[in-house]
């Protein structure tokens, strides 16, 4: 979920729920960027008044387990024709590890 906040209410650690843009529409920060004091100051300096912030969604252990299973099935499906290749096995593992960390 996302919510829009005035830059005066931003705090370090918040994550952008959408790209932060200046008045000309230029992208200053990408969606998902974790805000720091420096980045917040820069947004204010560039006269950005409001940004979209990602709100944490609390998921139950059952929901997380289901998402992990679905993700594992999806990654395996993508690599289904690349069996018996050690490099592809390693790539699959790295991608799966990365995706699991961002759940």
PDB file of N, CA and C in Angstrom:
ATOM      1  N   UNK A   1       0.835  -1.172   0.000  1.00  0.00           N
ATOM      2  CA  UNK A   1       0.000   0.000   0.000  1.00  0.00           C
ATOM      3  C   UNK A   1       0.885   1.242   0.000  1.00  0.00           C
ATOM      4  N   UNK A   2       0.292   2.353  -0.429  1.00  0.00           N
ATOM      5  CA  UNK A   2       1.037   3.602  -0.497  1.00  0.00           C
ATOM      6  C   UNK A   2       0.208   4.730   0.103  1.00  0.00           C
ATOM      7  N   UNK A   3       0.920   5.751   0.538  1.00  0.00           N
ATOM      8  CA  UNK A   3       0.280   6.955   1.042  1.00  0.00           C
ATOM      9  C   UNK A   3       1.132   8.153   0.633  1.00  0.00           C
ATOM     10  N   UNK A   4       0.503   9.299   0.494  1.00  0.00           N
ATOM     11  CA  UNK A   4       1.227  10.510   0.119  1.00  0.00           C
ATOM     12  C   UNK A   4       1.457  11.367   1.354  1.00  0.00           C
ATOM     13  N   UNK A   5       2.697  11.824   1.518  1.00  0.00           N
ATOM     14  CA  UNK A   5       3.062  12.644   2.673  1.00  0.00           C
ATOM     15  C   UNK A   5       3.733  13.932   2.233  1.00  0.00           C
ATOM     16  N   UNK A   6       3.532  14.976   3.029  1.00  0.00           N
ATOM     17  CA  UNK A   6       4.293  16.204   2.847  1.00  0.00           C
ATOM     18  C   UNK A   6       5.746  15.910   3.186  1.00  0.00           C
ATOM     19  N   UNK A   7       6.665  16.540   2.487  1.00  0.00           N
ATOM     20  CA  UNK A   7       8.090  16.319   2.748  1.00  0.00           C
ATOM     21  C   UNK A   7       8.480  16.699   4.170  1.00  0.00           C
ATOM     22  N   UNK A   8       7.726  17.605   4.786  1.00  0.00           N
ATOM     23  CA  UNK A   8       8.012  17.994   6.169  1.00  0.00           C
ATOM     24  C   UNK A   8       7.803  16.830   7.136  1.00  0.00           C
ATOM     25  N   UNK A   9       7.026  15.827   6.738  1.00  0.00           N
ATOM     26  CA  UNK A   9       6.728  14.693   7.616  1.00  0.00           C
ATOM     27  C   UNK A   9       7.585  13.462   7.324  1.00  0.00           C
ATOM     28  N   UNK A  10       8.492  13.565   6.375  1.00  0.00           N
ATOM     29  CA  UNK A  10       9.323  12.413   6.012  1.00  0.00           C
ATOM     30  C   UNK A  10      10.347  12.117   7.102  1.00  0.00           C
ATOM     31  N   UNK A  11      10.660  10.819   7.245  1.00  0.00           N
ATOM     32  CA  UNK A  11      11.647  10.375   8.230  1.00  0.00           C
ATOM     33  C   UNK A  11      12.600   9.393   7.562  1.00  0.00           C
ATOM     34  N   UNK A  12      13.856   9.395   8.009  1.00  0.00           N
ATOM     35  CA  UNK A  12      14.810   8.419   7.467  1.00  0.00           C
ATOM     36  C   UNK A  12      14.285   6.990   7.655  1.00  0.00           C
ATOM     37  N   UNK A  13      14.517   6.153   6.648  1.00  0.00           N
ATOM     38  CA  UNK A  13      14.075   4.766   6.703  1.00  0.00           C
ATOM     39  C   UNK A  13      12.791   4.520   5.932  1.00  0.00           C
ATOM     40  N   UNK A  14      12.004   5.570   5.701  1.00  0.00           N
ATOM     41  CA  UNK A  14      10.790   5.400   4.893  1.00  0.00           C
ATOM     42  C   UNK A  14      11.210   5.054   3.471  1.00  0.00           C
ATOM     43  N   UNK A  15      10.358   4.296   2.776  1.00  0.00           N
ATOM     44  CA  UNK A  15      10.639   3.912   1.386  1.00  0.00           C
ATOM     45  C   UNK A  15       9.629   4.578   0.462  1.00  0.00           C
ATOM     46  N   UNK A  16      10.141   5.019  -0.696  1.00  0.00           N
ATOM     47  CA  UNK A  16       9.258   5.642  -1.672  1.00  0.00           C
ATOM     48  C   UNK A  16       8.335   4.602  -2.290  1.00  0.00           C
ATOM     49  N   UNK A  17       7.057   4.940  -2.379  1.00  0.00           N
ATOM     50  CA  UNK A  17       6.073   4.058  -2.997  1.00  0.00           C
ATOM     51  C   UNK A  17       5.911   4.340  -4.481  1.00  0.00           C
ATOM     52  N   UNK A  18       6.531   5.409  -4.962  1.00  0.00           N
ATOM     53  CA  UNK A  18       6.533   5.789  -6.384  1.00  0.00           C
ATOM     54  C   UNK A  18       7.743   6.692  -6.602  1.00  0.00           C
ATOM     55  N   UNK A  19       8.119   6.870  -7.858  1.00  0.00           N
ATOM     56  CA  UNK A  19       9.241   7.761  -8.162  1.00  0.00           C
ATOM     57  C   UNK A  19       8.959   9.154  -7.605  1.00  0.00           C
ATOM     58  N   UNK A  20       9.980   9.799  -7.045  1.00  0.00           N
ATOM     59  CA  UNK A  20       9.871  11.187  -6.599  1.00  0.00           C
ATOM     60  C   UNK A  20      10.313  12.066  -7.765  1.00  0.00           C
ATOM     61  N   UNK A  21       9.457  13.020  -8.137  1.00  0.00           N
ATOM     62  CA  UNK A  21       9.729  13.864  -9.300  1.00  0.00           C
ATOM     63  C   UNK A  21       9.693  15.333  -8.914  1.00  0.00           C
ATOM     64  N   UNK A  22      10.486  16.125  -9.645  1.00  0.00           N
ATOM     65  CA  UNK A  22      10.450  17.566  -9.409  1.00  0.00           C
ATOM     66  C   UNK A  22       9.279  18.165 -10.189  1.00  0.00           C
ATOM     67  N   UNK A  23       9.131  19.466 -10.137  1.00  0.00           N
ATOM     68  CA  UNK A  23       7.991  20.133 -10.779  1.00  0.00           C
ATOM     69  C   UNK A  23       8.001  19.991 -12.299  1.00  0.00           C
ATOM     70  N   UNK A  24       9.158  19.743 -12.865  1.00  0.00           N
ATOM     71  CA  UNK A  24       9.263  19.539 -14.323  1.00  0.00           C
ATOM     72  C   UNK A  24       9.029  18.089 -14.715  1.00  0.00           C
ATOM     73  N   UNK A  25       8.805  17.228 -13.738  1.00  0.00           N
ATOM     74  CA  UNK A  25       8.556  15.817 -14.018  1.00  0.00           C
ATOM     75  C   UNK A  25       9.799  14.960 -14.093  1.00  0.00           C
ATOM     76  N   UNK A  26      10.950  15.541 -13.786  1.00  0.00           N
ATOM     77  CA  UNK A  26      12.189  14.765 -13.812  1.00  0.00           C
ATOM     78  C   UNK A  26      12.252  13.863 -12.586  1.00  0.00           C
ATOM     79  N   UNK A  27      12.669  12.621 -12.824  1.00  0.00           N
ATOM     80  CA  UNK A  27      12.768  11.651 -11.732  1.00  0.00           C
ATOM     81  C   UNK A  27      13.998  11.968 -10.883  1.00  0.00           C
ATOM     82  N   UNK A  28      13.760  12.203  -9.599  1.00  0.00           N
ATOM     83  CA  UNK A  28      14.854  12.479  -8.671  1.00  0.00           C
ATOM     84  C   UNK A  28      15.277  11.223  -7.927  1.00  0.00           C
ATOM     85  N   UNK A  29      14.288  10.435  -7.506  1.00  0.00           N
ATOM     86  CA  UNK A  29      14.552   9.179  -6.782  1.00  0.00           C
ATOM     87  C   UNK A  29      13.563   8.132  -7.271  1.00  0.00           C
ATOM     88  N   UNK A  30      14.027   6.905  -7.370  1.00  0.00           N
ATOM     89  CA  UNK A  30      13.190   5.808  -7.863  1.00  0.00           C
ATOM     90  C   UNK A  30      12.343   5.189  -6.757  1.00  0.00           C
ATOM     91  N   UNK A  31      11.231   4.620  -7.177  1.00  0.00           N
ATOM     92  CA  UNK A  31      10.360   3.882  -6.265  1.00  0.00           C
ATOM     93  C   UNK A  31      11.175   2.835  -5.522  1.00  0.00           C
ATOM     94  N   UNK A  32      10.928   2.699  -4.217  1.00  0.00           N
ATOM     95  CA  UNK A  32      11.628   1.719  -3.405  1.00  0.00           C
ATOM     96  C   UNK A  32      12.852   2.270  -2.698  1.00  0.00           C
ATOM     97  N   UNK A  33      13.276   3.482  -3.055  1.00  0.00           N
ATOM     98  CA  UNK A  33      14.444   4.082  -2.417  1.00  0.00           C
ATOM     99  C   UNK A  33      14.177   4.327  -0.938  1.00  0.00           C
ATOM    100  N   UNK A  34      15.109   3.909  -0.086  1.00  0.00           N
ATOM    101  CA  UNK A  34      15.006   4.179   1.350  1.00  0.00           C
ATOM    102  C   UNK A  34      15.525   5.595   1.598  1.00  0.00           C
ATOM    103  N   UNK A  35      14.709   6.401   2.246  1.00  0.00           N
ATOM    104  CA  UNK A  35      15.078   7.797   2.481  1.00  0.00           C
ATOM    105  C   UNK A  35      16.101   7.922   3.609  1.00  0.00           C
ATOM    106  N   UNK A  36      17.021   8.850   3.417  1.00  0.00           N
ATOM    107  CA  UNK A  36      18.003   9.216   4.435  1.00  0.00           C
ATOM    108  C   UNK A  36      17.815  10.707   4.715  1.00  0.00           C
ATOM    109  N   UNK A  37      18.468  11.207   5.759  1.00  0.00           N
ATOM    110  CA  UNK A  37      18.402  12.647   6.040  1.00  0.00           C
ATOM    111  C   UNK A  37      18.867  13.455   4.834  1.00  0.00           C
ATOM    112  N   UNK A  38      19.937  12.998   4.196  1.00  0.00           N
ATOM    113  CA  UNK A  38      20.495  13.704   3.043  1.00  0.00           C
ATOM    114  C   UNK A  38      19.493  13.746   1.889  1.00  0.00           C
ATOM    115  N   UNK A  39      18.852  12.614   1.602  1.00  0.00           N
ATOM    116  CA  UNK A  39      17.888  12.577   0.506  1.00  0.00           C
ATOM    117  C   UNK A  39      16.671  13.447   0.814  1.00  0.00           C
ATOM    118  N   UNK A  40      16.220  13.422   2.058  1.00  0.00           N
ATOM    119  CA  UNK A  40      15.074  14.249   2.449  1.00  0.00           C
ATOM    120  C   UNK A  40      15.425  15.729   2.278  1.00  0.00           C
ATOM    121  N   UNK A  41      16.605  16.116   2.719  1.00  0.00           N
ATOM    122  CA  UNK A  41      17.050  17.504   2.553  1.00  0.00           C
ATOM    123  C   UNK A  41      17.110  17.890   1.071  1.00  0.00           C
ATOM    124  N   UNK A  42      17.584  16.963   0.242  1.00  0.00           N
ATOM    125  CA  UNK A  42      17.680  17.238  -1.197  1.00  0.00           C
ATOM    126  C   UNK A  42      16.294  17.405  -1.817  1.00  0.00           C
ATOM    127  N   UNK A  43      15.336  16.599  -1.414  1.00  0.00           N
ATOM    128  CA  UNK A  43      13.965  16.760  -1.917  1.00  0.00           C
ATOM    129  C   UNK A  43      13.417  18.138  -1.545  1.00  0.00           C
ATOM    130  N   UNK A  44      13.640  18.538  -0.313  1.00  0.00           N
ATOM    131  CA  UNK A  44      13.173  19.854   0.138  1.00  0.00           C
ATOM    132  C   UNK A  44      13.875  20.971  -0.626  1.00  0.00           C
ATOM    133  N   UNK A  45      15.175  20.815  -0.836  1.00  0.00           N
ATOM    134  CA  UNK A  45      15.952  21.823  -1.559  1.00  0.00           C
ATOM    135  C   UNK A  45      15.428  21.999  -2.982  1.00  0.00           C
ATOM    136  N   UNK A  46      14.976  20.911  -3.577  1.00  0.00           N
ATOM    137  CA  UNK A  46      14.455  20.950  -4.949  1.00  0.00           C
ATOM    138  C   UNK A  46      12.961  21.286  -4.988  1.00  0.00           C
ATOM    139  N   UNK A  47      12.433  21.721  -3.850  1.00  0.00           N
ATOM    140  CA  UNK A  47      11.057  22.187  -3.737  1.00  0.00           C
ATOM    141  C   UNK A  47      10.017  21.100  -4.034  1.00  0.00           C
ATOM    142  N   UNK A  48      10.358  19.855  -3.694  1.00  0.00           N
ATOM    143  CA  UNK A  48       9.376  18.770  -3.787  1.00  0.00           C
ATOM    144  C   UNK A  48       8.525  18.864  -2.532  1.00  0.00           C
ATOM    145  N   UNK A  49       7.227  18.975  -2.715  1.00  0.00           N
ATOM    146  CA  UNK A  49       6.346  19.195  -1.568  1.00  0.00           C
ATOM    147  C   UNK A  49       5.762  17.910  -0.999  1.00  0.00           C
ATOM    148  N   UNK A  50       5.446  16.962  -1.878  1.00  0.00           N
ATOM    149  CA  UNK A  50       4.817  15.713  -1.434  1.00  0.00           C
ATOM    150  C   UNK A  50       5.433  14.540  -2.187  1.00  0.00           C
ATOM    151  N   UNK A  51       5.519  13.397  -1.507  1.00  0.00           N
ATOM    152  CA  UNK A  51       5.980  12.167  -2.151  1.00  0.00           C
ATOM    153  C   UNK A  51       5.093  11.014  -1.710  1.00  0.00           C
ATOM    154  N   UNK A  52       5.122   9.974  -2.514  1.00  0.00           N
ATOM    155  CA  UNK A  52       4.368   8.757  -2.212  1.00  0.00           C
ATOM    156  C   UNK A  52       5.276   7.827  -1.408  1.00  0.00           C
ATOM    157  N   UNK A  53       4.787   7.375  -0.274  1.00  0.00           N
ATOM    158  CA  UNK A  53       5.557   6.508   0.620  1.00  0.00           C
ATOM    159  C   UNK A  53       4.904   5.122   0.666  1.00  0.00           C
ATOM    160  N   UNK A  54       5.729   4.085   0.591  1.00  0.00           N
ATOM    161  CA  UNK A  54       5.235   2.714   0.721  1.00  0.00           C
ATOM    162  C   UNK A  54       4.931   2.440   2.180  1.00  0.00           C
ATOM    163  N   UNK A  55       3.783   1.873   2.435  1.00  0.00           N
ATOM    164  CA  UNK A  55       3.427   1.510   3.804  1.00  0.00           C
ATOM    165  C   UNK A  55       3.689   0.028   3.988  1.00  0.00           C
ATOM    166  N   UNK A  56       4.240  -0.306   5.143  1.00  0.00           N
ATOM    167  CA  UNK A  56       4.511  -1.712   5.440  1.00  0.00           C
ATOM    168  C   UNK A  56       3.206  -2.475   5.543  1.00  0.00           C
ATOM    169  N   UNK A  57       3.197  -3.623   4.921  1.00  0.00           N
ATOM    170  CA  UNK A  57       2.062  -4.514   5.040  1.00  0.00           C
ATOM    171  C   UNK A  57       2.490  -5.664   5.934  1.00  0.00           C
ATOM    172  N   UNK A  58       1.727  -5.904   6.963  1.00  0.00           N
ATOM    173  CA  UNK A  58       2.047  -6.998   7.858  1.00  0.00           C
ATOM    174  C   UNK A  58       1.440  -8.267   7.283  1.00  0.00           C
ATOM    175  N   UNK A  59       2.279  -9.271   7.102  1.00  0.00           N
ATOM    176  CA  UNK A  59       1.817 -10.541   6.546  1.00  0.00           C
ATOM    177  C   UNK A  59       1.988 -11.630   7.596  1.00  0.00           C
ATOM    178  N   UNK A  60       1.043 -12.518   7.621  1.00  0.00           N
ATOM    179  CA  UNK A  60       1.133 -13.638   8.545  1.00  0.00           C
ATOM    180  C   UNK A  60       2.184 -14.618   8.032  1.00  0.00           C
ATOM    181  N   UNK A  61       2.608 -15.509   8.906  1.00  0.00           N
ATOM    182  CA  UNK A  61       3.580 -16.530   8.503  1.00  0.00           C
ATOM    183  C   UNK A  61       3.017 -17.407   7.389  1.00  0.00           C
ATOM    184  N   UNK A  62       1.716 -17.675   7.442  1.00  0.00           N
ATOM    185  CA  UNK A  62       1.083 -18.493   6.402  1.00  0.00           C
ATOM    186  C   UNK A  62       1.129 -17.781   5.048  1.00  0.00           C
ATOM    187  N   UNK A  63       0.868 -16.468   5.044  1.00  0.00           N
ATOM    188  CA  UNK A  63       0.924 -15.707   3.799  1.00  0.00           C
ATOM    189  C   UNK A  63       2.341 -15.666   3.243  1.00  0.00           C
ATOM    190  N   UNK A  64       3.316 -15.463   4.121  1.00  0.00           N
ATOM    191  CA  UNK A  64       4.709 -15.453   3.674  1.00  0.00           C
ATOM    192  C   UNK A  64       5.126 -16.808   3.115  1.00  0.00           C
ATOM    193  N   UNK A  65       4.729 -17.876   3.777  1.00  0.00           N
ATOM    194  CA  UNK A  65       5.069 -19.216   3.301  1.00  0.00           C
ATOM    195  C   UNK A  65       4.448 -19.469   1.924  1.00  0.00           C
ATOM    196  N   UNK A  66       3.210 -19.048   1.732  1.00  0.00           N
ATOM    197  CA  UNK A  66       2.543 -19.220   0.441  1.00  0.00           C
ATOM    198  C   UNK A  66       3.242 -18.403  -0.644  1.00  0.00           C
ATOM    199  N   UNK A  67       3.655 -17.197  -0.311  1.00  0.00           N
ATOM    200  CA  UNK A  67       4.366 -16.356  -1.287  1.00  0.00           C
ATOM    201  C   UNK A  67       5.721 -16.967  -1.634  1.00  0.00           C
ATOM    202  N   UNK A  68       6.408 -17.522  -0.633  1.00  0.00           N
ATOM    203  CA  UNK A  68       7.706 -18.168  -0.892  1.00  0.00           C
ATOM    204  C   UNK A  68       7.535 -19.378  -1.818  1.00  0.00           C
ATOM    205  N   UNK A  69       6.505 -20.176  -1.559  1.00  0.00           N
ATOM    206  CA  UNK A  69       6.246 -21.348  -2.403  1.00  0.00           C
ATOM    207  C   UNK A  69       5.929 -20.927  -3.833  1.00  0.00           C
ATOM    208  N   UNK A  70       5.094 -19.909  -3.987  1.00  0.00           N
ATOM    209  CA  UNK A  70       4.724 -19.440  -5.324  1.00  0.00           C
ATOM    210  C   UNK A  70       5.952 -18.898  -6.057  1.00  0.00           C
ATOM    211  N   UNK A  71       6.778 -18.163  -5.347  1.00  0.00           N
ATOM    212  CA  UNK A  71       7.993 -17.617  -5.953  1.00  0.00           C
ATOM    213  C   UNK A  71       8.936 -18.732  -6.379  1.00  0.00           C
ATOM    214  N   UNK A  72       9.111 -19.725  -5.538  1.00  0.00           N
ATOM    215  CA  UNK A  72       9.980 -20.863  -5.869  1.00  0.00           C
ATOM    216  C   UNK A  72       9.461 -21.581  -7.111  1.00  0.00           C
ATOM    217  N   UNK A  73       8.154 -21.815  -7.182  1.00  0.00           N
ATOM    218  CA  UNK A  73       7.565 -22.470  -8.359  1.00  0.00           C
ATOM    219  C   UNK A  73       7.796 -21.632  -9.616  1.00  0.00           C
ATOM    220  N   UNK A  74       7.626 -20.334  -9.494  1.00  0.00           N
ATOM    221  CA  UNK A  74       7.784 -19.441 -10.641  1.00  0.00           C
ATOM    222  C   UNK A  74       9.227 -19.457 -11.162  1.00  0.00           C
ATOM    223  N   UNK A  75      10.193 -19.331 -10.263  1.00  0.00           N
ATOM    224  CA  UNK A  75      11.602 -19.332 -10.680  1.00  0.00           C
ATOM    225  C   UNK A  75      11.962 -20.682 -11.299  1.00  0.00           C
ATOM    226  N   UNK A  76      11.520 -21.757 -10.700  1.00  0.00           N
ATOM    227  CA  UNK A  76      11.803 -23.089 -11.278  1.00  0.00           C
ATOM    228  C   UNK A  76      11.192 -23.232 -12.669  1.00  0.00           C
ATOM    229  N   UNK A  77       9.997 -22.675 -12.846  1.00  0.00           N
ATOM    230  CA  UNK A  77       9.334 -22.716 -14.149  1.00  0.00           C
ATOM    231  C   UNK A  77      10.170 -21.970 -15.193  1.00  0.00           C
ATOM    232  N   UNK A  78      10.702 -20.802 -14.803  1.00  0.00           N
ATOM    233  CA  UNK A  78      11.509 -20.022 -15.737  1.00  0.00           C
ATOM    234  C   UNK A  78      12.769 -20.758 -16.179  1.00  0.00           C
ATOM    235  N   UNK A  79      13.305 -21.594 -15.295  1.00  0.00           N
ATOM    236  CA  UNK A  79      14.557 -22.320 -15.586  1.00  0.00           C
ATOM    237  C   UNK A  79      14.299 -23.777 -15.997  1.00  0.00           C
ATOM    238  N   UNK A  80      13.089 -24.127 -16.304  1.00  0.00           N
ATOM    239  CA  UNK A  80      12.724 -25.536 -16.531  1.00  0.00           C
ATOM    240  C   UNK A  80      13.478 -26.198 -17.679  1.00  0.00           C
ATOM    241  N   UNK A  81      13.895 -25.451 -18.688  1.00  0.00           N
ATOM    242  CA  UNK A  81      14.592 -26.048 -19.823  1.00  0.00           C
ATOM    243  C   UNK A  81      16.110 -25.994 -19.675  1.00  0.00           C
ATOM    244  N   UNK A  82      16.578 -25.548 -18.541  1.00  0.00           N
ATOM    245  CA  UNK A  82      18.014 -25.366 -18.352  1.00  0.00           C
ATOM    246  C   UNK A  82      18.565 -26.315 -17.289  1.00  0.00           C
ATOM    247  N   UNK A  83      17.976 -27.464 -17.154  1.00  0.00           N
ATOM    248  CA  UNK A  83      18.417 -28.434 -16.147  1.00  0.00           C
ATOM    249  C   UNK A  83      19.806 -28.967 -16.496  1.00  0.00           C
ATOM    250  N   UNK A  84      20.482 -29.433 -15.491  1.00  0.00           N
ATOM    251  CA  UNK A  84      21.798 -30.069 -15.637  1.00  0.00           C
ATOM    252  C   UNK A  84      22.887 -29.105 -16.120  1.00  0.00           C
ATOM    253  N   UNK A  85      22.688 -27.820 -15.900  1.00  0.00           N
ATOM    254  CA  UNK A  85      23.721 -26.836 -16.222  1.00  0.00           C
ATOM    255  C   UNK A  85      24.117 -26.160 -14.914  1.00  0.00           C
ATOM    256  N   UNK A  86      25.330 -26.443 -14.420  1.00  0.00           N
ATOM    257  CA  UNK A  86      25.731 -25.904 -13.116  1.00  0.00           C
ATOM    258  C   UNK A  86      25.677 -24.379 -13.036  1.00  0.00           C
ATOM    259  N   UNK A  87      26.005 -23.700 -14.110  1.00  0.00           N
ATOM    260  CA  UNK A  87      25.947 -22.235 -14.098  1.00  0.00           C
ATOM    261  C   UNK A  87      24.506 -21.741 -13.983  1.00  0.00           C
ATOM    262  N   UNK A  88      23.598 -22.375 -14.696  1.00  0.00           N
ATOM    263  CA  UNK A  88      22.193 -21.984 -14.625  1.00  0.00           C
ATOM    264  C   UNK A  88      21.602 -22.338 -13.259  1.00  0.00           C
ATOM    265  N   UNK A  89      22.052 -23.450 -12.678  1.00  0.00           N
ATOM    266  CA  UNK A  89      21.612 -23.802 -11.319  1.00  0.00           C
ATOM    267  C   UNK A  89      22.034 -22.725 -10.322  1.00  0.00           C
ATOM    268  N   UNK A  90      23.257 -22.245 -10.462  1.00  0.00           N
ATOM    269  CA  UNK A  90      23.756 -21.198  -9.573  1.00  0.00           C
ATOM    270  C   UNK A  90      23.003 -19.888  -9.800  1.00  0.00           C
ATOM    271  N   UNK A  91      22.748 -19.544 -11.054  1.00  0.00           N
ATOM    272  CA  UNK A  91      21.996 -18.329 -11.351  1.00  0.00           C
ATOM    273  C   UNK A  91      20.587 -18.414 -10.762  1.00  0.00           C
ATOM    274  N   UNK A  92      19.969 -19.550 -10.912  1.00  0.00           N
ATOM    275  CA  UNK A  92      18.630 -19.753 -10.339  1.00  0.00           C
ATOM    276  C   UNK A  92      18.663 -19.571  -8.818  1.00  0.00           C
ATOM    277  N   UNK A  93      19.672 -20.132  -8.172  1.00  0.00           N
ATOM    278  CA  UNK A  93      19.784 -20.011  -6.714  1.00  0.00           C
ATOM    279  C   UNK A  93      19.965 -18.558  -6.292  1.00  0.00           C
ATOM    280  N   UNK A  94      20.826 -17.825  -7.018  1.00  0.00           N
ATOM    281  CA  UNK A  94      21.087 -16.426  -6.677  1.00  0.00           C
ATOM    282  C   UNK A  94      19.821 -15.584  -6.862  1.00  0.00           C
ATOM    283  N   UNK A  95      19.118 -15.795  -7.946  1.00  0.00           N
ATOM    284  CA  UNK A  95      17.880 -15.047  -8.191  1.00  0.00           C
ATOM    285  C   UNK A  95      16.853 -15.357  -7.112  1.00  0.00           C
ATOM    286  N   UNK A  96      16.703 -16.623  -6.789  1.00  0.00           N
ATOM    287  CA  UNK A  96      15.740 -17.017  -5.763  1.00  0.00           C
ATOM    288  C   UNK A  96      16.109 -16.423  -4.406  1.00  0.00           C
ATOM    289  N   UNK A  97      17.380 -16.467  -4.042  1.00  0.00           N
ATOM    290  CA  UNK A  97      17.823 -15.862  -2.779  1.00  0.00           C
ATOM    291  C   UNK A  97      17.512 -14.374  -2.737  1.00  0.00           C
ATOM    292  N   UNK A  98      17.807 -13.699  -3.842  1.00  0.00           N
ATOM    293  CA  UNK A  98      17.539 -12.252  -3.897  1.00  0.00           C
ATOM    294  C   UNK A  98      16.050 -11.960  -3.762  1.00  0.00           C
ATOM    295  N   UNK A  99      15.241 -12.665  -4.491  1.00  0.00           N
ATOM    296  CA  UNK A  99      13.792 -12.422  -4.462  1.00  0.00           C
ATOM    297  C   UNK A  99      13.198 -12.750  -3.094  1.00  0.00           C
ATOM    298  N   UNK A 100      13.738 -13.756  -2.429  1.00  0.00           N
ATOM    299  CA  UNK A 100      13.246 -14.105  -1.085  1.00  0.00           C
ATOM    300  C   UNK A 100      13.552 -12.987  -0.084  1.00  0.00           C
ATOM    301  N   UNK A 101      14.684 -12.330  -0.255  1.00  0.00           N
ATOM    302  CA  UNK A 101      15.055 -11.255   0.675  1.00  0.00           C
ATOM    303  C   UNK A 101      14.144 -10.046   0.549  1.00  0.00           C
ATOM    304  N   UNK A 102      13.583  -9.810  -0.620  1.00  0.00           N
ATOM    305  CA  UNK A 102      12.750  -8.615  -0.815  1.00  0.00           C
ATOM    306  C   UNK A 102      11.259  -8.895  -0.616  1.00  0.00           C
ATOM    307  N   UNK A 103      10.908 -10.093  -0.201  1.00  0.00           N
ATOM    308  CA  UNK A 103       9.488 -10.402   0.074  1.00  0.00           C
ATOM    309  C   UNK A 103       8.965  -9.569   1.221  1.00  0.00           C
TER     310      UNK A 103
END
